[in-house]
Amino acid sequence: FFVQIAAKRKTLAEQAVFEQASFLSEYMSRSLRMARKDLTGNCVAAGNNYQLTHSGQGVKFLNSQSVCQEFYLDTGRLKEDKGGVWQHLTGEDVSVGSFNLFLRGEGQLDFLQPRVTFFLSLSKIASRPDEQNILEIQTTVSQRKLDVQM
């Protein structure tokens, strides 16, 4: 009976982490894919598509509605700042161990299509060691609009 309860707890912990990872990957990928080039420099450097923030643990961009948006890691939780209004993207029961970003083609002078690679390491916050579960994901997203000089 106790073995079955422990197995069920582990399964529920794995499911919670997987659901968070799936949501984060889909939501951030969709937002990053639809980013626009900031021609005025109000959000990121003029002519750029993306900019690293928070010592490389955040990314800022102009979203499809021309609102400055940012994803960043803050004390073990992923946050989103959209036009000055922030919210947590991860629940209180999941900890983000790392959020690493790599930008390619974010500027206008490199003649590359902009893309963002992000790596997430998520774990379930649990009081019991048998409920600990770590999931790591990596995704590369290219901007949907063709990056041409303006």
N, C-alpha and C. Protein backbone atom coordinates (compact mmCIF):
# COMPACT_ATOMS: atom_id res chain seq x y z
N PHE A 1 0.83 -1.20 0.00
CA PHE A 1 0.00 0.00 0.00
C PHE A 1 0.87 1.26 0.00
N PHE A 2 1.90 1.28 0.86
CA PHE A 2 2.78 2.45 0.94
C PHE A 2 3.60 2.62 -0.34
N VAL A 3 3.98 1.54 -0.95
CA VAL A 3 4.72 1.60 -2.22
C VAL A 3 3.85 2.22 -3.30
N GLN A 4 2.58 1.86 -3.33
CA GLN A 4 1.66 2.42 -4.32
C GLN A 4 1.45 3.92 -4.09
N ILE A 5 1.36 4.33 -2.83
CA ILE A 5 1.20 5.76 -2.52
C ILE A 5 2.44 6.52 -2.96
N ALA A 6 3.63 5.99 -2.68
CA ALA A 6 4.88 6.64 -3.09
C ALA A 6 4.98 6.74 -4.61
N ALA A 7 4.58 5.68 -5.31
CA ALA A 7 4.61 5.69 -6.77
C ALA A 7 3.64 6.73 -7.32
N LYS A 8 2.48 6.84 -6.72
CA LYS A 8 1.48 7.82 -7.16
C LYS A 8 1.99 9.25 -6.93
N ARG A 9 2.63 9.51 -5.80
CA ARG A 9 3.19 10.82 -5.52
C ARG A 9 4.26 11.19 -6.54
N LYS A 10 5.11 10.24 -6.87
CA LYS A 10 6.17 10.48 -7.86
C LYS A 10 5.56 10.78 -9.22
N THR A 11 4.53 10.03 -9.59
CA THR A 11 3.86 10.25 -10.87
C THR A 11 3.22 11.63 -10.92
N LEU A 12 2.57 12.04 -9.84
CA LEU A 12 1.94 13.36 -9.79
C LEU A 12 2.99 14.47 -9.86
N ALA A 13 4.13 14.28 -9.21
CA ALA A 13 5.21 15.26 -9.27
C ALA A 13 5.75 15.38 -10.69
N GLU A 14 5.95 14.25 -11.35
CA GLU A 14 6.43 14.26 -12.73
C GLU A 14 5.43 14.97 -13.64
N GLN A 15 4.17 14.71 -13.44
CA GLN A 15 3.12 15.32 -14.25
C GLN A 15 3.09 16.84 -14.05
N ALA A 16 3.24 17.31 -12.82
CA ALA A 16 3.24 18.75 -12.55
C ALA A 16 4.39 19.45 -13.27
N VAL A 17 5.57 18.86 -13.22
CA VAL A 17 6.75 19.46 -13.87
C VAL A 17 6.57 19.42 -15.38
N PHE A 18 6.09 18.32 -15.90
CA PHE A 18 5.89 18.21 -17.35
C PHE A 18 4.87 19.23 -17.85
N GLU A 19 3.78 19.42 -17.12
CA GLU A 19 2.76 20.39 -17.52
C GLU A 19 3.31 21.81 -17.53
N GLN A 20 4.11 22.16 -16.53
CA GLN A 20 4.73 23.48 -16.50
C GLN A 20 5.69 23.66 -17.67
N ALA A 21 6.51 22.65 -17.93
CA ALA A 21 7.47 22.72 -19.04
C ALA A 21 6.76 22.86 -20.37
N SER A 22 5.70 22.12 -20.55
CA SER A 22 4.93 22.17 -21.79
C SER A 22 4.31 23.55 -21.99
N PHE A 23 3.71 24.09 -20.94
CA PHE A 23 3.11 25.42 -21.02
C PHE A 23 4.17 26.48 -21.34
N LEU A 24 5.27 26.46 -20.59
CA LEU A 24 6.32 27.47 -20.79
C LEU A 24 6.89 27.41 -22.19
N SER A 25 7.18 26.21 -22.66
CA SER A 25 7.75 26.04 -23.99
C SER A 25 6.80 26.58 -25.06
N GLU A 26 5.54 26.23 -24.98
CA GLU A 26 4.56 26.67 -25.98
C GLU A 26 4.32 28.18 -25.91
N TYR A 27 4.10 28.70 -24.72
CA TYR A 27 3.77 30.12 -24.55
C TYR A 27 4.94 31.01 -24.97
N MET A 28 6.14 30.70 -24.47
CA MET A 28 7.29 31.53 -24.81
C MET A 28 7.66 31.40 -26.29
N SER A 29 7.56 30.20 -26.83
CA SER A 29 7.88 30.00 -28.25
C SER A 29 6.95 30.82 -29.13
N ARG A 30 5.67 30.80 -28.83
CA ARG A 30 4.70 31.55 -29.62
C ARG A 30 4.99 33.05 -29.54
N SER A 31 5.27 33.55 -28.35
CA SER A 31 5.55 34.98 -28.17
C SER A 31 6.83 35.39 -28.88
N LEU A 32 7.89 34.61 -28.71
CA LEU A 32 9.17 34.93 -29.33
C LEU A 32 9.11 34.83 -30.86
N ARG A 33 8.35 33.89 -31.37
CA ARG A 33 8.21 33.72 -32.82
C ARG A 33 7.54 34.93 -33.46
N MET A 34 6.60 35.54 -32.74
CA MET A 34 5.83 36.65 -33.29
C MET A 34 6.46 38.02 -33.01
N ALA A 35 7.66 38.05 -32.43
CA ALA A 35 8.32 39.32 -32.10
C ALA A 35 8.55 40.17 -33.34
N ARG A 36 8.62 41.48 -33.11
CA ARG A 36 8.87 42.42 -34.19
C ARG A 36 10.21 43.13 -34.00
N LYS A 37 10.71 43.65 -35.07
CA LYS A 37 11.92 44.47 -35.00
C LYS A 37 11.53 45.81 -34.37
N ASP A 38 12.31 46.27 -33.41
CA ASP A 38 12.06 47.55 -32.77
C ASP A 38 12.77 48.63 -33.57
N LEU A 39 12.05 49.36 -34.39
CA LEU A 39 12.64 50.37 -35.26
C LEU A 39 12.96 51.66 -34.50
N THR A 40 12.22 51.93 -33.42
CA THR A 40 12.39 53.19 -32.69
C THR A 40 13.36 53.08 -31.52
N GLY A 41 13.59 51.89 -31.00
CA GLY A 41 14.46 51.71 -29.85
C GLY A 41 13.76 51.94 -28.53
N ASN A 42 12.45 51.89 -28.50
CA ASN A 42 11.70 52.08 -27.25
C ASN A 42 11.75 50.87 -26.33
N CYS A 43 11.97 49.68 -26.86
CA CYS A 43 12.00 48.46 -26.06
C CYS A 43 13.42 47.87 -26.00
N VAL A 44 13.97 47.61 -27.16
CA VAL A 44 15.35 47.12 -27.28
C VAL A 44 16.10 48.10 -28.19
N ALA A 45 17.38 47.88 -28.39
CA ALA A 45 18.16 48.78 -29.24
C ALA A 45 17.52 48.91 -30.62
N ALA A 46 17.48 50.12 -31.14
CA ALA A 46 16.84 50.39 -32.43
C ALA A 46 17.39 49.47 -33.52
N GLY A 47 16.48 48.85 -34.26
CA GLY A 47 16.85 47.93 -35.34
C GLY A 47 17.06 46.51 -34.88
N ASN A 48 16.96 46.24 -33.59
CA ASN A 48 17.14 44.88 -33.08
C ASN A 48 15.79 44.20 -32.84
N ASN A 49 15.87 42.89 -32.74
CA ASN A 49 14.68 42.08 -32.53
C ASN A 49 14.57 41.58 -31.09
N TYR A 50 15.69 41.22 -30.50
CA TYR A 50 15.73 40.68 -29.14
C TYR A 50 16.91 41.30 -28.39
N GLN A 51 16.83 41.25 -27.06
CA GLN A 51 17.94 41.73 -26.23
C GLN A 51 17.99 40.89 -24.96
N LEU A 52 19.19 40.44 -24.60
CA LEU A 52 19.36 39.71 -23.35
C LEU A 52 19.28 40.68 -22.18
N THR A 53 18.67 40.23 -21.08
CA THR A 53 18.55 41.03 -19.86
C THR A 53 18.87 40.15 -18.66
N HIS A 54 18.87 40.73 -17.49
CA HIS A 54 19.07 40.00 -16.23
C HIS A 54 20.29 39.08 -16.30
N SER A 55 21.41 39.64 -16.73
CA SER A 55 22.68 38.89 -16.82
C SER A 55 22.55 37.62 -17.65
N GLY A 56 21.80 37.69 -18.74
CA GLY A 56 21.65 36.55 -19.64
C GLY A 56 20.56 35.59 -19.23
N GLN A 57 19.81 35.90 -18.18
CA GLN A 57 18.71 35.03 -17.75
C GLN A 57 17.36 35.68 -18.03
N GLY A 58 17.34 36.51 -19.05
CA GLY A 58 16.10 37.14 -19.49
C GLY A 58 16.23 37.59 -20.92
N VAL A 59 15.09 37.74 -21.58
CA VAL A 59 15.07 38.21 -22.96
C VAL A 59 13.92 39.20 -23.10
N LYS A 60 14.23 40.32 -23.79
CA LYS A 60 13.24 41.37 -24.00
C LYS A 60 13.04 41.53 -25.50
N PHE A 61 11.80 41.87 -25.88
CA PHE A 61 11.48 42.03 -27.30
C PHE A 61 10.19 42.82 -27.44
N LEU A 62 9.93 43.29 -28.64
CA LEU A 62 8.70 43.98 -28.98
C LEU A 62 7.75 42.91 -29.52
N ASN A 63 6.60 42.72 -28.83
CA ASN A 63 5.71 41.63 -29.25
C ASN A 63 4.84 42.03 -30.44
N SER A 64 3.98 41.14 -30.87
CA SER A 64 3.18 41.34 -32.08
C SER A 64 2.18 42.49 -31.94
N GLN A 65 1.87 42.90 -30.71
CA GLN A 65 0.98 44.05 -30.49
C GLN A 65 1.78 45.33 -30.22
N SER A 66 3.08 45.31 -30.51
CA SER A 66 4.00 46.44 -30.30
C SER A 66 4.11 46.83 -28.83
N VAL A 67 4.01 45.86 -27.94
CA VAL A 67 4.19 46.07 -26.50
C VAL A 67 5.51 45.44 -26.11
N CYS A 68 6.30 46.14 -25.29
CA CYS A 68 7.57 45.61 -24.83
C CYS A 68 7.30 44.45 -23.86
N GLN A 69 7.87 43.30 -24.15
CA GLN A 69 7.64 42.08 -23.36
C GLN A 69 8.98 41.48 -22.96
N GLU A 70 9.00 40.87 -21.78
CA GLU A 70 10.25 40.28 -21.29
C GLU A 70 9.94 39.02 -20.50
N PHE A 71 10.76 37.99 -20.71
CA PHE A 71 10.74 36.77 -19.91
C PHE A 71 12.04 36.75 -19.13
N TYR A 72 11.98 36.47 -17.81
CA TYR A 72 13.21 36.44 -17.03
C TYR A 72 13.05 35.57 -15.79
N LEU A 73 14.19 35.12 -15.29
CA LEU A 73 14.23 34.29 -14.09
C LEU A 73 14.42 35.18 -12.88
N ASP A 74 13.58 34.97 -11.86
CA ASP A 74 13.66 35.75 -10.64
C ASP A 74 13.40 34.84 -9.44
N THR A 75 14.42 34.61 -8.65
CA THR A 75 14.35 33.77 -7.43
C THR A 75 13.61 32.46 -7.64
N GLY A 76 14.03 31.72 -8.65
CA GLY A 76 13.51 30.37 -8.88
C GLY A 76 12.18 30.29 -9.60
N ARG A 77 11.66 31.42 -10.03
CA ARG A 77 10.40 31.42 -10.79
C ARG A 77 10.58 32.23 -12.06
N LEU A 78 9.92 31.80 -13.11
CA LEU A 78 9.96 32.52 -14.37
C LEU A 78 8.88 33.58 -14.35
N LYS A 79 9.24 34.80 -14.75
CA LYS A 79 8.30 35.91 -14.77
C LYS A 79 8.18 36.47 -16.18
N GLU A 80 7.08 37.15 -16.40
CA GLU A 80 6.85 37.85 -17.65
C GLU A 80 6.48 39.29 -17.31
N ASP A 81 7.11 40.21 -17.99
CA ASP A 81 6.77 41.63 -17.88
C ASP A 81 6.25 42.04 -19.24
N LYS A 82 5.00 42.45 -19.28
CA LYS A 82 4.39 42.85 -20.54
C LYS A 82 3.86 44.27 -20.38
N GLY A 83 4.57 45.23 -20.94
CA GLY A 83 4.16 46.62 -20.86
C GLY A 83 4.18 47.17 -19.44
N GLY A 84 5.09 46.66 -18.61
CA GLY A 84 5.19 47.15 -17.24
C GLY A 84 4.34 46.38 -16.23
N VAL A 85 3.57 45.43 -16.69
CA VAL A 85 2.76 44.60 -15.79
C VAL A 85 3.38 43.21 -15.77
N TRP A 86 3.82 42.74 -14.59
CA TRP A 86 4.48 41.45 -14.51
C TRP A 86 3.59 40.41 -13.86
N GLN A 87 3.88 39.16 -14.20
CA GLN A 87 3.19 38.02 -13.60
C GLN A 87 4.12 36.81 -13.61
N HIS A 88 3.88 35.90 -12.69
CA HIS A 88 4.64 34.65 -12.65
C HIS A 88 4.12 33.72 -13.74
N LEU A 89 5.03 33.05 -14.42
CA LEU A 89 4.65 32.05 -15.42
C LEU A 89 4.72 30.64 -14.84
N THR A 90 5.42 30.48 -13.74
CA THR A 90 5.51 29.17 -13.09
C THR A 90 4.77 29.21 -11.77
N GLY A 91 4.21 28.07 -11.41
CA GLY A 91 3.49 27.95 -10.16
C GLY A 91 4.43 27.89 -8.97
N GLU A 92 3.85 28.00 -7.79
CA GLU A 92 4.64 27.98 -6.57
C GLU A 92 5.23 26.61 -6.26
N ASP A 93 4.70 25.57 -6.88
CA ASP A 93 5.15 24.21 -6.60
C ASP A 93 6.27 23.74 -7.52
N VAL A 94 6.69 24.58 -8.48
CA VAL A 94 7.75 24.22 -9.42
C VAL A 94 8.85 25.28 -9.35
N SER A 95 10.09 24.83 -9.25
CA SER A 95 11.23 25.72 -9.19
C SER A 95 12.00 25.67 -10.51
N VAL A 96 12.42 26.83 -10.99
CA VAL A 96 13.24 26.91 -12.20
C VAL A 96 14.69 27.02 -11.74
N GLY A 97 15.45 25.97 -11.98
CA GLY A 97 16.85 25.94 -11.57
C GLY A 97 17.72 26.79 -12.47
N SER A 98 17.42 26.79 -13.77
CA SER A 98 18.18 27.63 -14.70
C SER A 98 17.32 27.99 -15.89
N PHE A 99 17.58 29.17 -16.41
CA PHE A 99 16.94 29.69 -17.61
C PHE A 99 18.04 30.36 -18.41
N ASN A 100 18.57 29.65 -19.38
CA ASN A 100 19.68 30.16 -20.19
C ASN A 100 19.19 30.49 -21.59
N LEU A 101 19.72 31.57 -22.13
CA LEU A 101 19.29 32.05 -23.44
C LEU A 101 20.49 32.27 -24.34
N PHE A 102 20.28 32.01 -25.63
CA PHE A 102 21.29 32.28 -26.64
C PHE A 102 20.59 32.93 -27.82
N LEU A 103 21.05 34.13 -28.20
CA LEU A 103 20.46 34.86 -29.32
C LEU A 103 21.35 34.74 -30.54
N ARG A 104 20.73 34.69 -31.69
CA ARG A 104 21.47 34.65 -32.95
C ARG A 104 20.68 35.47 -33.96
N GLY A 105 21.35 36.38 -34.62
CA GLY A 105 20.69 37.19 -35.65
C GLY A 105 19.80 38.28 -35.09
N GLU A 106 20.02 38.68 -33.84
CA GLU A 106 19.14 39.67 -33.22
C GLU A 106 19.36 41.09 -33.74
N GLY A 107 20.52 41.33 -34.32
CA GLY A 107 20.83 42.66 -34.85
C GLY A 107 20.59 42.74 -36.35
N GLN A 108 20.74 43.92 -36.89
CA GLN A 108 20.45 44.15 -38.30
C GLN A 108 21.66 43.92 -39.20
N LEU A 109 22.86 43.94 -38.64
CA LEU A 109 24.07 43.89 -39.46
C LEU A 109 24.62 42.50 -39.69
N ASP A 110 23.97 41.47 -39.17
CA ASP A 110 24.53 40.12 -39.27
C ASP A 110 23.94 39.30 -40.42
N PHE A 111 22.89 39.79 -41.06
CA PHE A 111 22.25 39.12 -42.20
C PHE A 111 21.76 37.72 -41.87
N LEU A 112 21.36 37.49 -40.61
CA LEU A 112 20.82 36.21 -40.18
C LEU A 112 19.38 36.39 -39.72
N GLN A 113 18.57 35.37 -39.94
CA GLN A 113 17.20 35.40 -39.44
C GLN A 113 17.26 35.28 -37.91
N PRO A 114 16.60 36.19 -37.17
CA PRO A 114 16.67 36.17 -35.71
C PRO A 114 16.11 34.88 -35.12
N ARG A 115 16.82 34.37 -34.11
CA ARG A 115 16.32 33.19 -33.40
C ARG A 115 16.82 33.21 -31.96
N VAL A 116 16.03 32.59 -31.12
CA VAL A 116 16.32 32.50 -29.70
C VAL A 116 16.33 31.03 -29.30
N THR A 117 17.37 30.61 -28.61
CA THR A 117 17.41 29.28 -28.02
C THR A 117 17.31 29.46 -26.53
N PHE A 118 16.35 28.77 -25.91
CA PHE A 118 16.26 28.84 -24.46
C PHE A 118 16.30 27.44 -23.86
N PHE A 119 16.94 27.38 -22.70
CA PHE A 119 17.09 26.14 -21.95
C PHE A 119 16.48 26.35 -20.57
N LEU A 120 15.63 25.42 -20.16
CA LEU A 120 14.98 25.48 -18.85
C LEU A 120 15.26 24.21 -18.07
N SER A 121 15.54 24.36 -16.81
CA SER A 121 15.65 23.23 -15.89
C SER A 121 14.61 23.45 -14.80
N LEU A 122 13.62 22.56 -14.75
CA LEU A 122 12.51 22.67 -13.81
C LEU A 122 12.52 21.51 -12.84
N SER A 123 12.09 21.78 -11.61
CA SER A 123 11.96 20.70 -10.64
C SER A 123 10.76 20.97 -9.75
N LYS A 124 10.19 19.92 -9.24
CA LYS A 124 9.05 19.99 -8.32
C LYS A 124 9.57 20.34 -6.94
N ILE A 125 8.96 21.34 -6.32
CA ILE A 125 9.29 21.66 -4.93
C ILE A 125 8.50 20.68 -4.06
N ALA A 126 9.24 19.82 -3.38
CA ALA A 126 8.58 18.77 -2.60
C ALA A 126 9.31 18.59 -1.28
N SER A 127 8.54 18.19 -0.29
CA SER A 127 9.14 17.95 1.02
C SER A 127 9.75 16.56 1.11
N ARG A 128 9.34 15.67 0.22
CA ARG A 128 9.85 14.30 0.24
C ARG A 128 10.80 14.09 -0.95
N PRO A 129 11.94 13.44 -0.70
CA PRO A 129 12.91 13.21 -1.78
C PRO A 129 12.36 12.35 -2.92
N ASP A 130 11.42 11.45 -2.63
CA ASP A 130 10.88 10.60 -3.69
C ASP A 130 9.96 11.36 -4.63
N GLU A 131 9.59 12.60 -4.26
CA GLU A 131 8.74 13.42 -5.12
C GLU A 131 9.56 14.38 -5.98
N GLN A 132 10.88 14.43 -5.76
CA GLN A 132 11.75 15.29 -6.55
C GLN A 132 11.79 14.80 -7.99
N ASN A 133 11.67 15.73 -8.90
CA ASN A 133 11.74 15.39 -10.31
C ASN A 133 12.31 16.58 -11.06
N ILE A 134 13.34 16.37 -11.87
CA ILE A 134 13.96 17.44 -12.64
C ILE A 134 13.73 17.15 -14.12
N LEU A 135 13.29 18.18 -14.82
CA LEU A 135 13.06 18.08 -16.26
C LEU A 135 13.81 19.22 -16.93
N GLU A 136 14.55 18.90 -17.97
CA GLU A 136 15.29 19.90 -18.72
C GLU A 136 14.80 19.92 -20.16
N ILE A 137 14.55 21.12 -20.67
CA ILE A 137 14.12 21.26 -22.06
C ILE A 137 14.94 22.35 -22.74
N GLN A 138 15.09 22.22 -24.04
CA GLN A 138 15.76 23.23 -24.85
C GLN A 138 14.97 23.40 -26.12
N THR A 139 14.74 24.63 -26.50
CA THR A 139 13.96 24.93 -27.69
C THR A 139 14.61 26.09 -28.44
N THR A 140 14.61 26.02 -29.75
CA THR A 140 15.07 27.12 -30.60
C THR A 140 13.89 27.61 -31.41
N VAL A 141 13.71 28.93 -31.40
CA VAL A 141 12.58 29.55 -32.08
C VAL A 141 13.11 30.62 -33.02
N SER A 142 12.68 30.60 -34.27
CA SER A 142 13.07 31.67 -35.18
C SER A 142 11.89 32.62 -35.36
N GLN A 143 12.23 33.87 -35.61
CA GLN A 143 11.19 34.88 -35.77
C GLN A 143 10.40 34.57 -37.03
N ARG A 144 9.10 34.74 -36.94
CA ARG A 144 8.23 34.42 -38.08
C ARG A 144 8.40 35.38 -39.24
N LYS A 145 8.45 36.67 -38.95
CA LYS A 145 8.61 37.66 -40.02
C LYS A 145 10.04 37.64 -40.53
N LEU A 146 10.19 37.75 -41.83
CA LEU A 146 11.51 37.81 -42.42
C LEU A 146 12.22 39.07 -41.97
N ASP A 147 13.46 38.94 -41.57
CA ASP A 147 14.23 40.06 -41.05
C ASP A 147 14.95 40.73 -42.21
N VAL A 148 14.38 41.81 -42.70
CA VAL A 148 15.01 42.56 -43.80
C VAL A 148 15.34 43.96 -43.30
N GLN A 149 16.37 44.55 -43.90
CA GLN A 149 16.78 45.89 -43.48
C GLN A 149 15.70 46.90 -43.81
N MET A 150 15.54 47.84 -42.90
CA MET A 150 14.55 48.92 -43.10
C MET A 150 15.25 50.24 -43.12
